[in-house]
Amino acid sequence: HTVRRQSIKRGEPRQMPSLPHTAESTVREEHFSSRRKQLEDYLTKILKMPMYRNYHGTMEFIGVSQLSFIHDLGPKGIEGLIMKRSGGHRIPGLNCCGQGRMCYRWSKRWLVVKDSFLLYMKPDSGAIAFVLLVDKEFNIKIGQKETETKYGLQIDNLSRSLILKCNSYRHAQWWRQGIDEFIRKHGKDFLTEHRFGSYAAVQENTLAKWPMLCLQTTYAVFFPPLYFLRLSPEIFMKRPVVEGNRWRLDCILKRKA
């Protein structure tokens, strides 16, 4: 802490801002707008202090992460810490070999909701652990009867059933409603099937105008310029995933090579 204090640049605010000590129950209704302004000023001052802005507790309270405001990842949905149950994959070899609750593990993860996918990260390192794509089978259920978990939340797509555990039924409802409303508003194109059985709608006025992968050719695999794309080599080019890793991008390229 001594080193950190010495490393703070001169002129940076160091003192914590203060909030009024008057209880909310004693504030008159005509003063509510000024109380909201005081809270806004308090949070603004906190975020202007690098020590507190980068503190994990502050980021968790506001519901942001290092991926929140990256424009290329799409609009920002809700985020937060959740407890995730292991398993649920519909890909052979990725599920737990045992049966029953004793085989499951619960892990704390940071869940991020975007327009065409959900992902969860490891809170300590920020490493992305899994990406759940929005597709025509995307569905959300809550309740112990559906999830076999008290205050459980189940998110399904063609490749996985993701089970989350919330603090209360109200907390589970908050997640369900927040995810569902955001996806229905920003990701509705991924919820239906499109021409040629594609999971994605036709995109106009894009930089990548060629097919990303042409498997029908005998002699070559064609790509658009790769700097137009930000994709994972583990993305599945054919969905639903029913043949293991056969149609995963890196496996396809290896096979073609």
Foldseek 3Di string as FASTA:
>chain_A
DVVVVVPDDPPQDDDQDDADPDDPVPDDPVCPVVNVVRVVVNLVSQCSHVVRVPDPVNCQVVQDDPPQPDVVQAHWFGKHKWKWKAAFFPFPPRGFPDDDDVRIDIDIWMWTAHQFWIWTAHSVPRHTDDIGGQAQQWDKDFDCVVQVAARWIWTDDLTGTIIIHDPHVVRSVVVRVRRVVSNVVRPVQQNDADPPRDSHDDDPPAPFDDPQFDPPDDPDTDHDPCVSDDDDQQDFPDDDNDPHSCRRNVNVVVVSD
